C-alpha atoms as a PDB file:
ATOM      1  CA  MET A   1       0.000   0.000   0.000  1.00  0.00           C
ATOM      2  CA  ASN A   2       1.487   3.324  -1.110  1.00  0.00           C
ATOM      3  CA  ARG A   3       0.232   6.216   0.975  1.00  0.00           C
ATOM      4  CA  GLU A   4       1.340   9.796   0.674  1.00  0.00           C
ATOM      5  CA  PRO A   5       2.655  11.278   3.913  1.00  0.00           C
ATOM      6  CA  PRO A   6       0.271  13.758   5.491  1.00  0.00           C
ATOM      7  CA  ASP A   7       0.726  17.342   4.355  1.00  0.00           C
ATOM      8  CA  PRO A   8       1.292  19.604   7.376  1.00  0.00           C
ATOM      9  CA  LEU A   9      -0.519  22.411   5.560  1.00  0.00           C
ATOM     10  CA  GLU A  10      -3.774  20.471   5.281  1.00  0.00           C
ATOM     11  CA  HIS A  11      -4.833  21.906   8.648  1.00  0.00           C
ATOM     12  CA  CYS A  12      -6.340  25.401   8.762  1.00  0.00           C
ATOM     13  CA  VAL A  13      -4.665  26.303  12.083  1.00  0.00           C
ATOM     14  CA  ARG A  14      -1.215  25.568  10.655  1.00  0.00           C
ATOM     15  CA  ARG A  15      -1.953  27.737   7.656  1.00  0.00           C
ATOM     16  CA  ARG A  16      -3.174  30.522   9.957  1.00  0.00           C
ATOM     17  CA  ILE A  17       0.051  30.263  11.991  1.00  0.00           C
ATOM     18  CA  LEU A  18       2.107  30.595   8.807  1.00  0.00           C
ATOM     19  CA  ARG A  19       0.081  33.613   7.700  1.00  0.00           C
ATOM     20  CA  CYS A  20       0.875  35.283  11.042  1.00  0.00           C
ATOM     21  CA  LEU A  21       4.561  34.568  10.577  1.00  0.00           C
ATOM     22  CA  HIS A  22       4.493  35.899   7.019  1.00  0.00           C
ATOM     23  CA  ARG A  23       2.788  39.202   7.890  1.00  0.00           C
ATOM     24  CA  ASP A  24       6.034  40.754   9.080  1.00  0.00           C
ATOM     25  CA  PHE A  25       8.535  37.978   8.234  1.00  0.00           C
ATOM     26  CA  ALA A  26       9.677  37.858  11.850  1.00  0.00           C
ATOM     27  CA  ALA A  27       9.890  35.185  14.514  1.00  0.00           C
ATOM     28  CA  HIS A  28       7.062  35.208  17.055  1.00  0.00           C
ATOM     29  CA  THR A  29       6.607  33.668  20.469  1.00  0.00           C
ATOM     30  CA  THR A  30       4.056  30.924  20.837  1.00  0.00           C
ATOM     31  CA  GLU A  31       2.059  33.288  23.065  1.00  0.00           C
ATOM     32  CA  GLU A  32       1.925  35.903  20.288  1.00  0.00           C
ATOM     33  CA  LEU A  33       0.836  33.268  17.790  1.00  0.00           C
ATOM     34  CA  ALA A  34      -1.828  31.949  20.161  1.00  0.00           C
ATOM     35  CA  ALA A  35      -3.262  35.449  20.604  1.00  0.00           C
ATOM     36  CA  SER A  36      -3.158  36.158  16.882  1.00  0.00           C
ATOM     37  CA  VAL A  37      -4.690  32.834  15.823  1.00  0.00           C
ATOM     38  CA  GLY A  38      -7.138  32.784  18.723  1.00  0.00           C
ATOM     39  CA  ILE A  39      -6.331  29.376  20.180  1.00  0.00           C
ATOM     40  CA  ASP A  40      -4.677  28.010  23.309  1.00  0.00           C
ATOM     41  CA  ARG A  41      -0.873  28.214  23.565  1.00  0.00           C
ATOM     42  CA  ASP A  42      -0.609  24.434  23.984  1.00  0.00           C
ATOM     43  CA  ASP A  43      -2.473  23.953  20.713  1.00  0.00           C
ATOM     44  CA  VAL A  44      -0.087  26.384  18.999  1.00  0.00           C
ATOM     45  CA  LEU A  45       2.860  24.431  20.401  1.00  0.00           C
ATOM     46  CA  TYR A  46       1.453  21.204  18.987  1.00  0.00           C
ATOM     47  CA  HIS A  47       0.858  22.660  15.535  1.00  0.00           C
ATOM     48  CA  CYS A  48       4.287  24.330  15.516  1.00  0.00           C
ATOM     49  CA  ARG A  49       5.910  20.987  16.386  1.00  0.00           C
ATOM     50  CA  VAL A  50       4.140  19.415  13.400  1.00  0.00           C
ATOM     51  CA  LEU A  51       5.244  22.262  11.123  1.00  0.00           C
ATOM     52  CA  ALA A  52       8.816  21.999  12.440  1.00  0.00           C
ATOM     53  CA  LYS A  53       8.894  18.239  11.912  1.00  0.00           C
ATOM     54  CA  TRP A  54       8.150  18.839   8.214  1.00  0.00           C
ATOM     55  CA  GLY A  55      10.713  21.655   7.881  1.00  0.00           C
ATOM     56  CA  THR A  56       8.109  24.372   7.473  1.00  0.00           C
ATOM     57  CA  VAL A  57       9.085  26.388  10.554  1.00  0.00           C
ATOM     58  CA  LYS A  58      12.023  26.599  12.917  1.00  0.00           C
ATOM     59  CA  ARG A  59      11.446  26.587  16.677  1.00  0.00           C
ATOM     60  CA  TYR A  60      14.076  27.807  19.098  1.00  0.00           C
ATOM     61  CA  GLU A  61      14.475  29.156  22.609  1.00  0.00           C
ATOM     62  CA  GLY A  62      14.651  32.939  22.799  1.00  0.00           C
ATOM     63  CA  PRO A  63      14.960  35.361  25.705  1.00  0.00           C
ATOM     64  CA  SER A  64      11.173  35.669  25.922  1.00  0.00           C
ATOM     65  CA  GLY A  65      10.310  31.999  25.403  1.00  0.00           C
ATOM     66  CA  PHE A  66      10.012  29.699  22.415  1.00  0.00           C
ATOM     67  CA  LEU A  67      10.196  31.502  19.092  1.00  0.00           C
ATOM     68  CA  VAL A  68       8.800  30.254  15.814  1.00  0.00           C
ATOM     69  CA  GLU A  69      10.049  31.369  12.407  1.00  0.00           C
ATOM     70  CA  SER A  70       8.797  30.403   8.946  1.00  0.00           C
ATOM     71  CA  LEU A  71      11.209  28.582   6.640  1.00  0.00           C
ATOM     72  CA  VAL A  72       8.826  28.784   3.649  1.00  0.00           C
ATOM     73  CA  ALA A  73       8.104  32.530   3.417  1.00  0.00           C
ATOM     74  CA  ASP A  74       9.501  32.621  -0.115  1.00  0.00           C
ATOM     75  CA  ASP A  75       8.033  29.340  -1.384  1.00  0.00           C
ATOM     76  CA  PRO A  76       5.588  30.233  -4.196  1.00  0.00           C
ATOM     77  CA  GLU A  77       3.523  27.046  -3.766  1.00  0.00           C
ATOM     78  CA  VAL A  78       3.065  27.656  -0.045  1.00  0.00           C
ATOM     79  CA  LEU A  79       2.225  31.317  -0.623  1.00  0.00           C
ATOM     80  CA  PHE A  80      -0.345  30.348  -3.266  1.00  0.00           C
ATOM     81  CA  LEU A  81      -1.948  27.800  -0.909  1.00  0.00           C
ATOM     82  CA  LEU A  82      -2.084  30.308   1.964  1.00  0.00           C
ATOM     83  CA  HIS A  83      -3.725  32.903  -0.262  1.00  0.00           C
ATOM     84  CA  ALA A  84      -6.163  30.435  -1.835  1.00  0.00           C
ATOM     85  CA  THR A  85      -7.374  29.095   1.527  1.00  0.00           C
ATOM     86  CA  GLU A  86      -7.422  32.299   3.593  1.00  0.00           C
ATOM     87  CA  VAL A  87     -11.153  33.087   3.365  1.00  0.00           C
ATOM     88  CA  GLU A  88     -12.139  29.494   4.119  1.00  0.00           C
ATOM     89  CA  ASP A  89      -9.692  29.257   7.027  1.00  0.00           C
ATOM     90  CA  GLU A  90     -10.883  32.478   8.637  1.00  0.00           C
ATOM     91  CA  ALA A  91     -14.497  31.360   8.303  1.00  0.00           C
ATOM     92  CA  SER A  92     -13.677  28.081  10.064  1.00  0.00           C
ATOM     93  CA  GLY A  93     -12.398  29.922  13.161  1.00  0.00           C
ATOM     94  CA  SER A  94     -10.078  27.875  15.359  1.00  0.00           C
ATOM     95  CA  ALA A  95     -11.237  24.483  14.136  1.00  0.00           C
END
């Protein structure tokens, strides 16, 4: 059985996290991301771990806590996907 690995960007919360990171192309704390996306910090940590596992973001310890930085801010396919799904993702809330 040949199965494709799951795409980390299939989840609306992960796409919303990336959009936050791409707004100013800066690293953000998990607390900032949680406030911006509107979900619990622990949920942000989980989704950031998934994104990091797939090489989509980098997580590291900073002076104010864990920081998350996008590694795909210049990837045209990712940018297209984020743009194409933005309205749907915002309508779905924090699902």
